[in-house]
Amino acid sequence: MISLKIVQTIVHYSLHFLFPGVLAWLFFRKDWKKAWLIMIATMAVDLDHLLSDPVFDANRCSIGYHPLHTYYAVFFYVILLFFPKTRIIGVGLIFHMATDYQDCIWSNFLSAYTSH
C-alpha cells in the first residue's frame, strides 16, 4: 500500500508545478503558457527557506515561519491581484501559499494519525 506521506508529497509538488498550468489555462487562456511559467517562477519565494536552520524540515509548516510565507506577505500578495500587470504573480504567490498551507494540514493529520 502506498504510504500517505508519499501521497502528500505527490499532491504537494503537483499543486506547485502542474496545477498552476490549469489556473493559467482557465484564467489567462490567451497567454496561458507564459502565465504558467510566471506562476512557476513564483516558486522563488521559497528562497526564504535558506534563512532557516535547518534549511529543510519536512515536519515544519512554512506558513507563518518563513519571512515570505507570513500573513503580512500574503496580504501583499493579495494586493498584487488588483493590478493587471502583477495579477499573474499574485495568483501564483497566493496559490503557492495555499499549497503550502494544505501541506501543513497534511502534516498535522499524519502526525496525529501515526501517533496512535
PDB file of N, CA and C in Angstrom:
ATOM      1  N   MET A   1       0.847  -1.192   0.000  1.00  0.00           N
ATOM      2  CA  MET A   1       0.000   0.000   0.000  1.00  0.00           C
ATOM      3  C   MET A   1       0.884   1.244   0.000  1.00  0.00           C
ATOM      4  N   ILE A   2       0.491   2.202  -0.786  1.00  0.00           N
ATOM      5  CA  ILE A   2       1.256   3.448  -0.880  1.00  0.00           C
ATOM      6  C   ILE A   2       1.076   4.239   0.422  1.00  0.00           C
ATOM      7  N   SER A   3       2.179   4.770   0.926  1.00  0.00           N
ATOM      8  CA  SER A   3       2.088   5.492   2.196  1.00  0.00           C
ATOM      9  C   SER A   3       1.458   6.869   2.004  1.00  0.00           C
ATOM     10  N   LEU A   4       0.800   7.341   3.045  1.00  0.00           N
ATOM     11  CA  LEU A   4       0.161   8.666   2.989  1.00  0.00           C
ATOM     12  C   LEU A   4       1.201   9.770   2.839  1.00  0.00           C
ATOM     13  N   LYS A   5       2.396   9.569   3.358  1.00  0.00           N
ATOM     14  CA  LYS A   5       3.461  10.571   3.221  1.00  0.00           C
ATOM     15  C   LYS A   5       3.851  10.726   1.747  1.00  0.00           C
ATOM     16  N   ILE A   6       3.871   9.627   1.008  1.00  0.00           N
ATOM     17  CA  ILE A   6       4.169   9.698  -0.427  1.00  0.00           C
ATOM     18  C   ILE A   6       3.036  10.416  -1.159  1.00  0.00           C
ATOM     19  N   VAL A   7       1.807  10.119  -0.780  1.00  0.00           N
ATOM     20  CA  VAL A   7       0.655  10.806  -1.386  1.00  0.00           C
ATOM     21  C   VAL A   7       0.755  12.307  -1.106  1.00  0.00           C
ATOM     22  N   GLN A   8       1.103  12.674   0.125  1.00  0.00           N
ATOM     23  CA  GLN A   8       1.261  14.087   0.480  1.00  0.00           C
ATOM     24  C   GLN A   8       2.293  14.752  -0.418  1.00  0.00           C
ATOM     25  N   THR A   9       3.411  14.110  -0.614  1.00  0.00           N
ATOM     26  CA  THR A   9       4.488  14.671  -1.443  1.00  0.00           C
ATOM     27  C   THR A   9       4.034  14.829  -2.891  1.00  0.00           C
ATOM     28  N   ILE A  10       3.352  13.819  -3.414  1.00  0.00           N
ATOM     29  CA  ILE A  10       2.862  13.894  -4.797  1.00  0.00           C
ATOM     30  C   ILE A  10       1.853  15.029  -4.949  1.00  0.00           C
ATOM     31  N   VAL A  11       0.927  15.139  -4.008  1.00  0.00           N
ATOM     32  CA  VAL A  11      -0.075  16.214  -4.046  1.00  0.00           C
ATOM     33  C   VAL A  11       0.618  17.570  -3.968  1.00  0.00           C
ATOM     34  N   HIS A  12       1.557  17.706  -3.032  1.00  0.00           N
ATOM     35  CA  HIS A  12       2.252  18.982  -2.827  1.00  0.00           C
ATOM     36  C   HIS A  12       2.945  19.461  -4.108  1.00  0.00           C
ATOM     37  N   TYR A  13       3.752  18.600  -4.704  1.00  0.00           N
ATOM     38  CA  TYR A  13       4.503  19.028  -5.883  1.00  0.00           C
ATOM     39  C   TYR A  13       3.636  19.131  -7.131  1.00  0.00           C
ATOM     40  N   SER A  14       2.576  18.355  -7.201  1.00  0.00           N
ATOM     41  CA  SER A  14       1.633  18.518  -8.321  1.00  0.00           C
ATOM     42  C   SER A  14       0.944  19.873  -8.238  1.00  0.00           C
ATOM     43  N   LEU A  15       0.568  20.268  -7.018  1.00  0.00           N
ATOM     44  CA  LEU A  15      -0.054  21.580  -6.847  1.00  0.00           C
ATOM     45  C   LEU A  15       0.929  22.709  -7.132  1.00  0.00           C
ATOM     46  N   HIS A  16       2.198  22.508  -6.826  1.00  0.00           N
ATOM     47  CA  HIS A  16       3.200  23.549  -7.097  1.00  0.00           C
ATOM     48  C   HIS A  16       3.526  23.679  -8.578  1.00  0.00           C
ATOM     49  N   PHE A  17       3.578  22.560  -9.297  1.00  0.00           N
ATOM     50  CA  PHE A  17       4.072  22.619 -10.673  1.00  0.00           C
ATOM     51  C   PHE A  17       3.021  22.366 -11.753  1.00  0.00           C
ATOM     52  N   LEU A  18       2.057  21.503 -11.514  1.00  0.00           N
ATOM     53  CA  LEU A  18       1.080  21.177 -12.552  1.00  0.00           C
ATOM     54  C   LEU A  18      -0.186  22.026 -12.471  1.00  0.00           C
ATOM     55  N   PHE A  19      -0.737  22.173 -11.281  1.00  0.00           N
ATOM     56  CA  PHE A  19      -1.996  22.907 -11.148  1.00  0.00           C
ATOM     57  C   PHE A  19      -1.896  24.377 -11.575  1.00  0.00           C
ATOM     58  N   PRO A  20      -0.752  25.070 -11.390  1.00  0.00           N
ATOM     59  CA  PRO A  20      -0.668  26.423 -11.948  1.00  0.00           C
ATOM     60  C   PRO A  20      -0.914  26.465 -13.456  1.00  0.00           C
ATOM     61  N   GLY A  21      -0.597  25.372 -14.151  1.00  0.00           N
ATOM     62  CA  GLY A  21      -0.913  25.292 -15.578  1.00  0.00           C
ATOM     63  C   GLY A  21      -2.413  25.287 -15.809  1.00  0.00           C
ATOM     64  N   VAL A  22      -3.149  24.605 -14.956  1.00  0.00           N
ATOM     65  CA  VAL A  22      -4.617  24.588 -15.045  1.00  0.00           C
ATOM     66  C   VAL A  22      -5.159  25.992 -14.775  1.00  0.00           C
ATOM     67  N   LEU A  23      -4.642  26.633 -13.721  1.00  0.00           N
ATOM     68  CA  LEU A  23      -5.078  28.004 -13.413  1.00  0.00           C
ATOM     69  C   LEU A  23      -4.766  28.944 -14.574  1.00  0.00           C
ATOM     70  N   ALA A  24      -3.580  28.796 -15.143  1.00  0.00           N
ATOM     71  CA  ALA A  24      -3.186  29.648 -16.269  1.00  0.00           C
ATOM     72  C   ALA A  24      -4.127  29.439 -17.447  1.00  0.00           C
ATOM     73  N   TRP A  25      -4.447  28.194 -17.737  1.00  0.00           N
ATOM     74  CA  TRP A  25      -5.322  27.896 -18.865  1.00  0.00           C
ATOM     75  C   TRP A  25      -6.739  28.410 -18.622  1.00  0.00           C
ATOM     76  N   LEU A  26      -7.217  28.299 -17.378  1.00  0.00           N
ATOM     77  CA  LEU A  26      -8.573  28.747 -17.067  1.00  0.00           C
ATOM     78  C   LEU A  26      -8.724  30.260 -17.050  1.00  0.00           C
ATOM     79  N   PHE A  27      -7.733  30.960 -16.469  1.00  0.00           N
ATOM     80  CA  PHE A  27      -7.899  32.392 -16.227  1.00  0.00           C
ATOM     81  C   PHE A  27      -7.069  33.306 -17.126  1.00  0.00           C
ATOM     82  N   PHE A  28      -6.058  32.769 -17.774  1.00  0.00           N
ATOM     83  CA  PHE A  28      -5.185  33.586 -18.630  1.00  0.00           C
ATOM     84  C   PHE A  28      -4.981  32.871 -19.962  1.00  0.00           C
ATOM     85  N   ARG A  29      -6.078  32.395 -20.523  1.00  0.00           N
ATOM     86  CA  ARG A  29      -6.017  31.499 -21.684  1.00  0.00           C
ATOM     87  C   ARG A  29      -5.249  32.080 -22.866  1.00  0.00           C
ATOM     88  N   LYS A  30      -5.352  33.363 -23.090  1.00  0.00           N
ATOM     89  CA  LYS A  30      -4.681  33.981 -24.242  1.00  0.00           C
ATOM     90  C   LYS A  30      -3.167  33.746 -24.185  1.00  0.00           C
ATOM     91  N   ASP A  31      -2.590  33.881 -23.014  1.00  0.00           N
ATOM     92  CA  ASP A  31      -1.145  33.684 -22.828  1.00  0.00           C
ATOM     93  C   ASP A  31      -0.887  32.656 -21.729  1.00  0.00           C
ATOM     94  N   TRP A  32      -1.596  31.522 -21.775  1.00  0.00           N
ATOM     95  CA  TRP A  32      -1.559  30.584 -20.660  1.00  0.00           C
ATOM     96  C   TRP A  32      -0.173  29.996 -20.422  1.00  0.00           C
ATOM     97  N   LYS A  33       0.602  29.774 -21.474  1.00  0.00           N
ATOM     98  CA  LYS A  33       1.942  29.200 -21.277  1.00  0.00           C
ATOM     99  C   LYS A  33       2.848  30.196 -20.546  1.00  0.00           C
ATOM    100  N   LYS A  34       2.763  31.442 -20.935  1.00  0.00           N
ATOM    101  CA  LYS A  34       3.539  32.493 -20.257  1.00  0.00           C
ATOM    102  C   LYS A  34       3.082  32.629 -18.798  1.00  0.00           C
ATOM    103  N   ALA A  35       1.767  32.615 -18.588  1.00  0.00           N
ATOM    104  CA  ALA A  35       1.223  32.726 -17.229  1.00  0.00           C
ATOM    105  C   ALA A  35       1.690  31.550 -16.374  1.00  0.00           C
ATOM    106  N   TRP A  36       1.690  30.357 -16.959  1.00  0.00           N
ATOM    107  CA  TRP A  36       2.144  29.170 -16.228  1.00  0.00           C
ATOM    108  C   TRP A  36       3.607  29.323 -15.818  1.00  0.00           C
ATOM    109  N   LEU A  37       4.436  29.761 -16.736  1.00  0.00           N
ATOM    110  CA  LEU A  37       5.861  29.957 -16.423  1.00  0.00           C
ATOM    111  C   LEU A  37       6.058  31.012 -15.334  1.00  0.00           C
ATOM    112  N   ILE A  38       5.280  32.080 -15.408  1.00  0.00           N
ATOM    113  CA  ILE A  38       5.380  33.120 -14.370  1.00  0.00           C
ATOM    114  C   ILE A  38       4.973  32.545 -13.021  1.00  0.00           C
ATOM    115  N   MET A  39       3.895  31.762 -13.009  1.00  0.00           N
ATOM    116  CA  MET A  39       3.462  31.169 -11.735  1.00  0.00           C
ATOM    117  C   MET A  39       4.498  30.177 -11.206  1.00  0.00           C
ATOM    118  N   ILE A  40       5.134  29.434 -12.100  1.00  0.00           N
ATOM    119  CA  ILE A  40       6.213  28.529 -11.665  1.00  0.00           C
ATOM    120  C   ILE A  40       7.371  29.359 -11.109  1.00  0.00           C
ATOM    121  N   ALA A  41       7.641  30.499 -11.717  1.00  0.00           N
ATOM    122  CA  ALA A  41       8.734  31.370 -11.250  1.00  0.00           C
ATOM    123  C   ALA A  41       8.483  31.910  -9.846  1.00  0.00           C
ATOM    124  N   THR A  42       7.215  31.974  -9.447  1.00  0.00           N
ATOM    125  CA  THR A  42       6.933  32.454  -8.088  1.00  0.00           C
ATOM    126  C   THR A  42       7.421  31.460  -7.033  1.00  0.00           C
ATOM    127  N   MET A  43       7.856  30.285  -7.472  1.00  0.00           N
ATOM    128  CA  MET A  43       8.476  29.328  -6.550  1.00  0.00           C
ATOM    129  C   MET A  43       9.739  29.929  -5.923  1.00  0.00           C
ATOM    130  N   ALA A  44      10.275  30.979  -6.536  1.00  0.00           N
ATOM    131  CA  ALA A  44      11.450  31.658  -5.974  1.00  0.00           C
ATOM    132  C   ALA A  44      11.163  32.188  -4.576  1.00  0.00           C
ATOM    133  N   VAL A  45       9.890  32.309  -4.217  1.00  0.00           N
ATOM    134  CA  VAL A  45       9.519  32.743  -2.873  1.00  0.00           C
ATOM    135  C   VAL A  45      10.087  31.772  -1.826  1.00  0.00           C
ATOM    136  N   ASP A  46      10.371  30.555  -2.238  1.00  0.00           N
ATOM    137  CA  ASP A  46      10.932  29.564  -1.320  1.00  0.00           C
ATOM    138  C   ASP A  46      12.404  29.807  -0.996  1.00  0.00           C
ATOM    139  N   LEU A  47      13.005  30.797  -1.610  1.00  0.00           N
ATOM    140  CA  LEU A  47      14.386  31.138  -1.257  1.00  0.00           C
ATOM    141  C   LEU A  47      14.499  31.574   0.201  1.00  0.00           C
ATOM    142  N   ASP A  48      13.379  31.999   0.782  1.00  0.00           N
ATOM    143  CA  ASP A  48      13.423  32.379   2.194  1.00  0.00           C
ATOM    144  C   ASP A  48      13.707  31.187   3.106  1.00  0.00           C
ATOM    145  N   HIS A  49      13.581  29.975   2.578  1.00  0.00           N
ATOM    146  CA  HIS A  49      13.914  28.783   3.360  1.00  0.00           C
ATOM    147  C   HIS A  49      15.414  28.751   3.684  1.00  0.00           C
ATOM    148  N   LEU A  50      16.202  29.415   2.846  1.00  0.00           N
ATOM    149  CA  LEU A  50      17.659  29.435   3.060  1.00  0.00           C
ATOM    150  C   LEU A  50      18.041  30.166   4.345  1.00  0.00           C
ATOM    151  N   LEU A  51      17.116  30.953   4.883  1.00  0.00           N
ATOM    152  CA  LEU A  51      17.370  31.676   6.126  1.00  0.00           C
ATOM    153  C   LEU A  51      17.116  30.817   7.361  1.00  0.00           C
ATOM    154  N   SER A  52      16.625  29.607   7.148  1.00  0.00           N
ATOM    155  CA  SER A  52      16.255  28.731   8.263  1.00  0.00           C
ATOM    156  C   SER A  52      17.370  27.737   8.581  1.00  0.00           C
ATOM    157  N   ASP A  53      17.344  27.274   9.817  1.00  0.00           N
ATOM    158  CA  ASP A  53      18.278  26.242  10.228  1.00  0.00           C
ATOM    159  C   ASP A  53      17.493  25.167  10.963  1.00  0.00           C
ATOM    160  N   PRO A  54      17.304  24.009  10.400  1.00  0.00           N
ATOM    161  CA  PRO A  54      17.832  23.554   9.112  1.00  0.00           C
ATOM    162  C   PRO A  54      17.062  24.182   7.945  1.00  0.00           C
ATOM    163  N   VAL A  55      17.689  24.188   6.785  1.00  0.00           N
ATOM    164  CA  VAL A  55      17.060  24.777   5.601  1.00  0.00           C
ATOM    165  C   VAL A  55      15.766  24.035   5.278  1.00  0.00           C
ATOM    166  N   PHE A  56      15.790  22.708   5.365  1.00  0.00           N
ATOM    167  CA  PHE A  56      14.603  21.912   5.087  1.00  0.00           C
ATOM    168  C   PHE A  56      14.248  21.076   6.305  1.00  0.00           C
ATOM    169  N   ASP A  57      13.007  21.142   6.680  1.00  0.00           N
ATOM    170  CA  ASP A  57      12.469  20.298   7.747  1.00  0.00           C
ATOM    171  C   ASP A  57      11.100  19.826   7.279  1.00  0.00           C
ATOM    172  N   ALA A  58      10.996  18.551   6.966  1.00  0.00           N
ATOM    173  CA  ALA A  58       9.756  18.001   6.407  1.00  0.00           C
ATOM    174  C   ALA A  58       8.555  18.181   7.335  1.00  0.00           C
ATOM    175  N   ASN A  59       8.810  18.342   8.621  1.00  0.00           N
ATOM    176  CA  ASN A  59       7.712  18.472   9.580  1.00  0.00           C
ATOM    177  C   ASN A  59       7.392  19.921   9.953  1.00  0.00           C
ATOM    178  N   ARG A  60       8.075  20.868   9.342  1.00  0.00           N
ATOM    179  CA  ARG A  60       7.854  22.275   9.671  1.00  0.00           C
ATOM    180  C   ARG A  60       6.824  22.876   8.715  1.00  0.00           C
ATOM    181  N   CYS A  61       5.894  23.617   9.255  1.00  0.00           N
ATOM    182  CA  CYS A  61       4.912  24.335   8.446  1.00  0.00           C
ATOM    183  C   CYS A  61       5.532  25.656   7.993  1.00  0.00           C
ATOM    184  N   SER A  62       5.602  25.854   6.690  1.00  0.00           N
ATOM    185  CA  SER A  62       6.197  27.074   6.143  1.00  0.00           C
ATOM    186  C   SER A  62       5.381  28.321   6.452  1.00  0.00           C
ATOM    187  N   ILE A  63       4.053  28.169   6.485  1.00  0.00           N
ATOM    188  CA  ILE A  63       3.172  29.318   6.680  1.00  0.00           C
ATOM    189  C   ILE A  63       3.376  29.875   8.088  1.00  0.00           C
ATOM    190  N   GLY A  64       3.714  31.149   8.137  1.00  0.00           N
ATOM    191  CA  GLY A  64       3.936  31.813   9.412  1.00  0.00           C
ATOM    192  C   GLY A  64       5.347  31.630   9.952  1.00  0.00           C
ATOM    193  N   TYR A  65       6.161  30.809   9.285  1.00  0.00           N
ATOM    194  CA  TYR A  65       7.520  30.552   9.766  1.00  0.00           C
ATOM    195  C   TYR A  65       8.558  31.320   8.944  1.00  0.00           C
ATOM    196  N   HIS A  66       8.522  31.138   7.648  1.00  0.00           N
ATOM    197  CA  HIS A  66       9.493  31.802   6.770  1.00  0.00           C
ATOM    198  C   HIS A  66       9.022  33.231   6.464  1.00  0.00           C
ATOM    199  N   PRO A  67       9.954  34.166   6.290  1.00  0.00           N
ATOM    200  CA  PRO A  67       9.578  35.581   6.102  1.00  0.00           C
ATOM    201  C   PRO A  67       8.623  35.846   4.933  1.00  0.00           C
ATOM    202  N   LEU A  68       8.808  35.156   3.824  1.00  0.00           N
ATOM    203  CA  LEU A  68       7.936  35.383   2.665  1.00  0.00           C
ATOM    204  C   LEU A  68       6.689  34.500   2.690  1.00  0.00           C
ATOM    205  N   HIS A  69       6.509  33.779   3.796  1.00  0.00           N
ATOM    206  CA  HIS A  69       5.341  32.929   3.990  1.00  0.00           C
ATOM    207  C   HIS A  69       4.500  33.407   5.180  1.00  0.00           C
ATOM    208  N   THR A  70       4.694  34.648   5.584  1.00  0.00           N
ATOM    209  CA  THR A  70       3.943  35.196   6.715  1.00  0.00           C
ATOM    210  C   THR A  70       2.603  35.749   6.235  1.00  0.00           C
ATOM    211  N   TYR A  71       1.717  35.993   7.169  1.00  0.00           N
ATOM    212  CA  TYR A  71       0.407  36.565   6.810  1.00  0.00           C
ATOM    213  C   TYR A  71       0.561  37.990   6.273  1.00  0.00           C
ATOM    214  N   TYR A  72       1.585  38.708   6.732  1.00  0.00           N
ATOM    215  CA  TYR A  72       1.855  40.050   6.188  1.00  0.00           C
ATOM    216  C   TYR A  72       2.224  39.950   4.714  1.00  0.00           C
ATOM    217  N   ALA A  73       3.054  38.975   4.377  1.00  0.00           N
ATOM    218  CA  ALA A  73       3.450  38.781   2.983  1.00  0.00           C
ATOM    219  C   ALA A  73       2.236  38.395   2.140  1.00  0.00           C
ATOM    220  N   VAL A  74       1.394  37.503   2.664  1.00  0.00           N
ATOM    221  CA  VAL A  74       0.197  37.081   1.929  1.00  0.00           C
ATOM    222  C   VAL A  74      -0.718  38.277   1.671  1.00  0.00           C
ATOM    223  N   PHE A  75      -0.825  39.170   2.629  1.00  0.00           N
ATOM    224  CA  PHE A  75      -1.619  40.388   2.432  1.00  0.00           C
ATOM    225  C   PHE A  75      -1.084  41.182   1.235  1.00  0.00           C
ATOM    226  N   PHE A  76       0.234  41.307   1.134  1.00  0.00           N
ATOM    227  CA  PHE A  76       0.859  41.989  -0.005  1.00  0.00           C
ATOM    228  C   PHE A  76       0.552  41.243  -1.311  1.00  0.00           C
ATOM    229  N   TYR A  77       0.599  39.911  -1.279  1.00  0.00           N
ATOM    230  CA  TYR A  77       0.313  39.123  -2.476  1.00  0.00           C
ATOM    231  C   TYR A  77      -1.126  39.339  -2.945  1.00  0.00           C
ATOM    232  N   VAL A  78      -2.046  39.504  -2.002  1.00  0.00           N
ATOM    233  CA  VAL A  78      -3.446  39.774  -2.358  1.00  0.00           C
ATOM    234  C   VAL A  78      -3.542  41.124  -3.068  1.00  0.00           C
ATOM    235  N   ILE A  79      -2.799  42.109  -2.605  1.00  0.00           N
ATOM    236  CA  ILE A  79      -2.809  43.432  -3.247  1.00  0.00           C
ATOM    237  C   ILE A  79      -2.366  43.329  -4.708  1.00  0.00           C
ATOM    238  N   LEU A  80      -1.431  42.417  -4.995  1.00  0.00           N
ATOM    239  CA  LEU A  80      -0.955  42.242  -6.369  1.00  0.00           C
ATOM    240  C   LEU A  80      -2.087  41.856  -7.330  1.00  0.00           C
ATOM    241  N   LEU A  81      -3.133  41.249  -6.807  1.00  0.00           N
ATOM    242  CA  LEU A  81      -4.261  40.827  -7.647  1.00  0.00           C
ATOM    243  C   LEU A  81      -5.021  42.005  -8.248  1.00  0.00           C
ATOM    244  N   PHE A  82      -4.955  43.153  -7.605  1.00  0.00           N
ATOM    245  CA  PHE A  82      -5.737  44.304  -8.033  1.00  0.00           C
ATOM    246  C   PHE A  82      -5.126  45.075  -9.200  1.00  0.00           C
ATOM    247  N   PHE A  83      -3.920  44.709  -9.592  1.00  0.00           N
ATOM    248  CA  PHE A  83      -3.226  45.409 -10.675  1.00  0.00           C
ATOM    249  C   PHE A  83      -2.960  44.436 -11.818  1.00  0.00           C
ATOM    250  N   PRO A  84      -3.453  44.759 -13.006  1.00  0.00           N
ATOM    251  CA  PRO A  84      -3.315  43.833 -14.138  1.00  0.00           C
ATOM    252  C   PRO A  84      -1.871  43.376 -14.399  1.00  0.00           C
ATOM    253  N   LYS A  85      -0.910  44.268 -14.237  1.00  0.00           N
ATOM    254  CA  LYS A  85       0.483  43.907 -14.533  1.00  0.00           C
ATOM    255  C   LYS A  85       1.088  42.938 -13.519  1.00  0.00           C
ATOM    256  N   THR A  86       0.503  42.851 -12.330  1.00  0.00           N
ATOM    257  CA  THR A  86       1.042  41.957 -11.304  1.00  0.00           C
ATOM    258  C   THR A  86       0.079  40.828 -10.935  1.00  0.00           C
ATOM    259  N   ARG A  87      -1.042  40.766 -11.627  1.00  0.00           N
ATOM    260  CA  ARG A  87      -2.087  39.799 -11.265  1.00  0.00           C
ATOM    261  C   ARG A  87      -1.612  38.342 -11.349  1.00  0.00           C
ATOM    262  N   ILE A  88      -0.907  37.983 -12.406  1.00  0.00           N
ATOM    263  CA  ILE A  88      -0.443  36.598 -12.552  1.00  0.00           C
ATOM    264  C   ILE A  88       0.527  36.248 -11.430  1.00  0.00           C
ATOM    265  N   ILE A  89       1.395  37.174 -11.090  1.00  0.00           N
ATOM    266  CA  ILE A  89       2.338  36.945  -9.985  1.00  0.00           C
ATOM    267  C   ILE A  89       1.565  36.757  -8.689  1.00  0.00           C
ATOM    268  N   GLY A  90       0.559  37.604  -8.464  1.00  0.00           N
ATOM    269  CA  GLY A  90      -0.264  37.487  -7.262  1.00  0.00           C
ATOM    270  C   GLY A  90      -0.967  36.143  -7.185  1.00  0.00           C
ATOM    271  N   VAL A  91      -1.528  35.698  -8.302  1.00  0.00           N
ATOM    272  CA  VAL A  91      -2.201  34.394  -8.322  1.00  0.00           C
ATOM    273  C   VAL A  91      -1.197  33.292  -7.992  1.00  0.00           C
ATOM    274  N   GLY A  92      -0.022  33.361  -8.603  1.00  0.00           N
ATOM    275  CA  GLY A  92       0.999  32.351  -8.351  1.00  0.00           C
ATOM    276  C   GLY A  92       1.430  32.308  -6.897  1.00  0.00           C
ATOM    277  N   LEU A  93       1.646  33.487  -6.312  1.00  0.00           N
ATOM    278  CA  LEU A  93       2.088  33.545  -4.911  1.00  0.00           C
ATOM    279  C   LEU A  93       0.998  33.084  -3.947  1.00  0.00           C
ATOM    280  N   ILE A  94      -0.228  33.505  -4.193  1.00  0.00           N
ATOM    281  CA  ILE A  94      -1.323  33.100  -3.305  1.00  0.00           C
ATOM    282  C   ILE A  94      -1.568  31.596  -3.417  1.00  0.00           C
ATOM    283  N   PHE A  95      -1.525  31.079  -4.629  1.00  0.00           N
ATOM    284  CA  PHE A  95      -1.719  29.645  -4.777  1.00  0.00           C
ATOM    285  C   PHE A  95      -0.555  28.872  -4.149  1.00  0.00           C
ATOM    286  N   HIS A  96       0.641  29.425  -4.228  1.00  0.00           N
ATOM    287  CA  HIS A  96       1.799  28.808  -3.570  1.00  0.00           C
ATOM    288  C   HIS A  96       1.556  28.721  -2.058  1.00  0.00           C
ATOM    289  N   MET A  97       1.062  29.811  -1.483  1.00  0.00           N
ATOM    290  CA  MET A  97       0.789  29.815  -0.038  1.00  0.00           C
ATOM    291  C   MET A  97      -0.328  28.831   0.309  1.00  0.00           C
ATOM    292  N   ALA A  98      -1.346  28.757  -0.545  1.00  0.00           N
ATOM    293  CA  ALA A  98      -2.439  27.804  -0.309  1.00  0.00           C
ATOM    294  C   ALA A  98      -1.917  26.365  -0.376  1.00  0.00           C
ATOM    295  N   THR A  99      -1.030  26.111  -1.308  1.00  0.00           N
ATOM    296  CA  THR A  99      -0.420  24.782  -1.430  1.00  0.00           C
ATOM    297  C   THR A  99       0.396  24.449  -0.189  1.00  0.00           C
ATOM    298  N   ASP A 100       1.189  25.404   0.269  1.00  0.00           N
ATOM    299  CA  ASP A 100       1.978  25.163   1.485  1.00  0.00           C
ATOM    300  C   ASP A 100       1.081  24.999   2.705  1.00  0.00           C
ATOM    301  N   TYR A 101      -0.025  25.723   2.744  1.00  0.00           N
ATOM    302  CA  TYR A 101      -0.950  25.599   3.866  1.00  0.00           C
ATOM    303  C   TYR A 101      -1.594  24.212   3.899  1.00  0.00           C
ATOM    304  N   GLN A 102      -2.018  23.720   2.736  1.00  0.00           N
ATOM    305  CA  GLN A 102      -2.622  22.385   2.715  1.00  0.00           C
ATOM    306  C   GLN A 102      -1.580  21.348   3.122  1.00  0.00           C
ATOM    307  N   ASP A 103      -0.311  21.626   2.843  1.00  0.00           N
ATOM    308  CA  ASP A 103       0.749  20.721   3.275  1.00  0.00           C
ATOM    309  C   ASP A 103       0.856  20.706   4.804  1.00  0.00           C
ATOM    310  N   CYS A 104       0.634  21.850   5.430  1.00  0.00           N
ATOM    311  CA  CYS A 104       0.622  21.910   6.900  1.00  0.00           C
ATOM    312  C   CYS A 104      -0.513  21.065   7.457  1.00  0.00           C
ATOM    313  N   ILE A 105      -1.659  21.128   6.800  1.00  0.00           N
ATOM    314  CA  ILE A 105      -2.806  20.334   7.236  1.00  0.00           C
ATOM    315  C   ILE A 105      -2.487  18.844   7.113  1.00  0.00           C
ATOM    316  N   TRP A 106      -1.899  18.453   5.979  1.00  0.00           N
ATOM    317  CA  TRP A 106      -1.485  17.059   5.787  1.00  0.00           C
ATOM    318  C   TRP A 106      -0.541  16.632   6.912  1.00  0.00           C
ATOM    319  N   SER A 107       0.462  17.462   7.175  1.00  0.00           N
ATOM    320  CA  SER A 107       1.470  17.109   8.186  1.00  0.00           C
ATOM    321  C   SER A 107       0.844  16.948   9.560  1.00  0.00           C
ATOM    322  N   ASN A 108      -0.053  17.847   9.919  1.00  0.00           N
ATOM    323  CA  ASN A 108      -0.746  17.738  11.206  1.00  0.00           C
ATOM    324  C   ASN A 108      -1.575  16.461  11.279  1.00  0.00           C
ATOM    325  N   PHE A 109      -2.269  16.164  10.190  1.00  0.00           N
ATOM    326  CA  PHE A 109      -3.067  14.955  10.140  1.00  0.00           C
ATOM    327  C   PHE A 109      -2.187  13.709  10.267  1.00  0.00           C
ATOM    328  N   LEU A 110      -1.102  13.679   9.493  1.00  0.00           N
ATOM    329  CA  LEU A 110      -0.242  12.500   9.517  1.00  0.00           C
ATOM    330  C   LEU A 110       0.448  12.314  10.863  1.00  0.00           C
ATOM    331  N   SER A 111       0.820  13.418  11.503  1.00  0.00           N
ATOM    332  CA  SER A 111       1.468  13.270  12.818  1.00  0.00           C
ATOM    333  C   SER A 111       0.462  12.756  13.837  1.00  0.00           C
ATOM    334  N   ALA A 112      -0.794  13.182  13.749  1.00  0.00           N
ATOM    335  CA  ALA A 112      -1.826  12.681  14.653  1.00  0.00           C
ATOM    336  C   ALA A 112      -2.175  11.228  14.319  1.00  0.00           C
ATOM    337  N   TYR A 113      -2.203  10.921  13.021  1.00  0.00           N
ATOM    338  CA  TYR A 113      -2.562   9.588  12.545  1.00  0.00           C
ATOM    339  C   TYR A 113      -1.503   8.553  12.940  1.00  0.00           C
ATOM    340  N   THR A 114      -0.241   8.934  12.845  1.00  0.00           N
ATOM    341  CA  THR A 114       0.834   7.984  13.132  1.00  0.00           C
ATOM    342  C   THR A 114       1.166   7.902  14.622  1.00  0.00           C
ATOM    343  N   SER A 115       0.650   8.817  15.420  1.00  0.00           N
ATOM    344  CA  SER A 115       0.950   8.788  16.863  1.00  0.00           C
ATOM    345  C   SER A 115       0.069   7.807  17.609  1.00  0.00           C
ATOM    346  N   HIS A 116      -0.905   7.218  16.926  1.00  0.00           N
ATOM    347  CA  HIS A 116      -1.798   6.240  17.591  1.00  0.00           C
ATOM    348  C   HIS A 116      -1.283   4.848  17.447  1.00  0.00           C
TER     349      HIS A 116
END
